[in-house]
Amino acid sequence: MANDPLEMKVSEILEANPAALGVLVEHGFTPLAQPYLRKLLAHTVTLEQALRLRPLAPERERSLLDQLGDLLADTAEVRA
């Protein structure tokens, strides 16, 4: 699994820390809130690709990346 959230599939992020779903939805990736669409879409795109499809203002993108980075770091610490 990649260390950089941008390089990870959205499904990998969600598997690593399910709390990431709330962060993604909060930042406008609302289709992920629906289980069917999440199952259909999450494994097909990286976060970087998702951000190209659903661009965010730079400060919102930074907030998203910071929050996901924190969640993934917390997950890595628990697994270590």
C-alpha atoms as a PDB file:
ATOM      1  CA  MET A   1       0.000   0.000   0.000  1.00  0.00           C
ATOM      2  CA  ALA A   2       1.288   3.455  -0.881  1.00  0.00           C
ATOM      3  CA  ASN A   3       2.167   5.924   1.871  1.00  0.00           C
ATOM      4  CA  ASP A   4       0.930   8.999   0.014  1.00  0.00           C
ATOM      5  CA  PRO A   5      -2.873   9.282   0.157  1.00  0.00           C
ATOM      6  CA  LEU A   6      -2.881  10.793  -3.339  1.00  0.00           C
ATOM      7  CA  GLU A   7      -1.393   7.572  -4.737  1.00  0.00           C
ATOM      8  CA  MET A   8      -3.789   5.293  -2.864  1.00  0.00           C
ATOM      9  CA  LYS A   9      -7.034   3.951  -4.248  1.00  0.00           C
ATOM     10  CA  VAL A  10      -9.962   5.452  -2.380  1.00  0.00           C
ATOM     11  CA  SER A  11     -10.880   1.911  -1.311  1.00  0.00           C
ATOM     12  CA  GLU A  12      -7.414   1.451   0.243  1.00  0.00           C
ATOM     13  CA  ILE A  13      -7.873   4.629   2.262  1.00  0.00           C
ATOM     14  CA  LEU A  14     -11.273   3.446   3.479  1.00  0.00           C
ATOM     15  CA  GLU A  15      -9.941  -0.014   4.338  1.00  0.00           C
ATOM     16  CA  ALA A  16      -7.018   1.482   6.251  1.00  0.00           C
ATOM     17  CA  ASN A  17      -9.309   3.689   8.344  1.00  0.00           C
ATOM     18  CA  PRO A  18     -13.092   3.639   7.926  1.00  0.00           C
ATOM     19  CA  ALA A  19     -13.302   7.082   9.573  1.00  0.00           C
ATOM     20  CA  ALA A  20     -11.893   8.442   6.301  1.00  0.00           C
ATOM     21  CA  LEU A  21     -15.358   8.024   4.792  1.00  0.00           C
ATOM     22  CA  GLY A  22     -16.713  10.902   6.861  1.00  0.00           C
ATOM     23  CA  VAL A  23     -13.778  13.104   5.895  1.00  0.00           C
ATOM     24  CA  LEU A  24     -14.226  12.379   2.191  1.00  0.00           C
ATOM     25  CA  VAL A  25     -17.978  12.976   2.304  1.00  0.00           C
ATOM     26  CA  GLU A  26     -17.458  16.191   4.296  1.00  0.00           C
ATOM     27  CA  HIS A  27     -15.159  17.420   1.527  1.00  0.00           C
ATOM     28  CA  GLY A  28     -17.717  16.859  -1.208  1.00  0.00           C
ATOM     29  CA  PHE A  29     -17.237  13.249  -2.234  1.00  0.00           C
ATOM     30  CA  THR A  30     -20.882  12.590  -1.375  1.00  0.00           C
ATOM     31  CA  PRO A  31     -21.430   9.605  -3.715  1.00  0.00           C
ATOM     32  CA  LEU A  32     -19.206   7.633  -1.331  1.00  0.00           C
ATOM     33  CA  ALA A  33     -21.900   7.958   1.346  1.00  0.00           C
ATOM     34  CA  GLN A  34     -24.026   5.497  -0.624  1.00  0.00           C
ATOM     35  CA  PRO A  35     -22.765   1.929  -0.075  1.00  0.00           C
ATOM     36  CA  TYR A  36     -23.552   0.831  -3.632  1.00  0.00           C
ATOM     37  CA  LEU A  37     -21.694   3.731  -5.232  1.00  0.00           C
ATOM     38  CA  ARG A  38     -18.827   3.381  -2.764  1.00  0.00           C
ATOM     39  CA  LYS A  39     -18.436  -0.286  -3.709  1.00  0.00           C
ATOM     40  CA  LEU A  40     -18.696   0.568  -7.394  1.00  0.00           C
ATOM     41  CA  LEU A  41     -16.348   3.569  -7.467  1.00  0.00           C
ATOM     42  CA  ALA A  42     -13.857   3.441  -4.595  1.00  0.00           C
ATOM     43  CA  HIS A  43     -11.641   0.698  -6.001  1.00  0.00           C
ATOM     44  CA  THR A  44     -11.416   2.287  -9.450  1.00  0.00           C
ATOM     45  CA  VAL A  45      -9.743   5.626  -8.679  1.00  0.00           C
ATOM     46  CA  THR A  46      -6.876   7.001  -6.677  1.00  0.00           C
ATOM     47  CA  LEU A  47      -7.465  10.013  -4.485  1.00  0.00           C
ATOM     48  CA  GLU A  48      -5.477  12.086  -6.986  1.00  0.00           C
ATOM     49  CA  GLN A  49      -7.820  11.023  -9.803  1.00  0.00           C
ATOM     50  CA  ALA A  50     -10.854  11.738  -7.626  1.00  0.00           C
ATOM     51  CA  LEU A  51      -9.542  15.233  -6.953  1.00  0.00           C
ATOM     52  CA  ARG A  52      -9.187  15.827 -10.690  1.00  0.00           C
ATOM     53  CA  LEU A  53     -12.791  14.731 -11.193  1.00  0.00           C
ATOM     54  CA  ARG A  54     -14.038  16.742  -8.211  1.00  0.00           C
ATOM     55  CA  PRO A  55     -11.600  19.648  -7.781  1.00  0.00           C
ATOM     56  CA  LEU A  56     -11.455  21.435  -4.451  1.00  0.00           C
ATOM     57  CA  ALA A  57     -10.214  24.897  -3.587  1.00  0.00           C
ATOM     58  CA  PRO A  58      -6.536  24.667  -2.581  1.00  0.00           C
ATOM     59  CA  GLU A  59      -7.249  25.230   1.120  1.00  0.00           C
ATOM     60  CA  ARG A  60      -9.998  22.557   1.098  1.00  0.00           C
ATOM     61  CA  GLU A  61      -7.698  20.108  -0.678  1.00  0.00           C
ATOM     62  CA  ARG A  62      -4.947  20.770   1.889  1.00  0.00           C
ATOM     63  CA  SER A  63      -7.473  20.238   4.704  1.00  0.00           C
ATOM     64  CA  LEU A  64      -8.590  16.946   3.151  1.00  0.00           C
ATOM     65  CA  LEU A  65      -5.027  15.707   2.697  1.00  0.00           C
ATOM     66  CA  ASP A  66      -4.047  16.742   6.232  1.00  0.00           C
ATOM     67  CA  GLN A  67      -7.044  14.988   7.779  1.00  0.00           C
ATOM     68  CA  LEU A  68      -6.536  11.822   5.736  1.00  0.00           C
ATOM     69  CA  GLY A  69      -2.817  11.872   6.508  1.00  0.00           C
ATOM     70  CA  ASP A  70      -3.588  12.064  10.226  1.00  0.00           C
ATOM     71  CA  LEU A  71      -6.075   9.184  10.010  1.00  0.00           C
ATOM     72  CA  LEU A  72      -3.647   7.026   8.049  1.00  0.00           C
ATOM     73  CA  ALA A  73      -0.805   7.838  10.456  1.00  0.00           C
ATOM     74  CA  ASP A  74      -3.023   6.859  13.395  1.00  0.00           C
ATOM     75  CA  THR A  75      -3.817   3.583  11.646  1.00  0.00           C
ATOM     76  CA  ALA A  76      -0.134   2.908  10.939  1.00  0.00           C
ATOM     77  CA  GLU A  77       0.744   3.536  14.602  1.00  0.00           C
ATOM     78  CA  VAL A  78      -1.920   1.093  15.767  1.00  0.00           C
ATOM     79  CA  ARG A  79      -0.638  -1.588  13.388  1.00  0.00           C
ATOM     80  CA  ALA A  80       3.024  -1.078  14.359  1.00  0.00           C
END
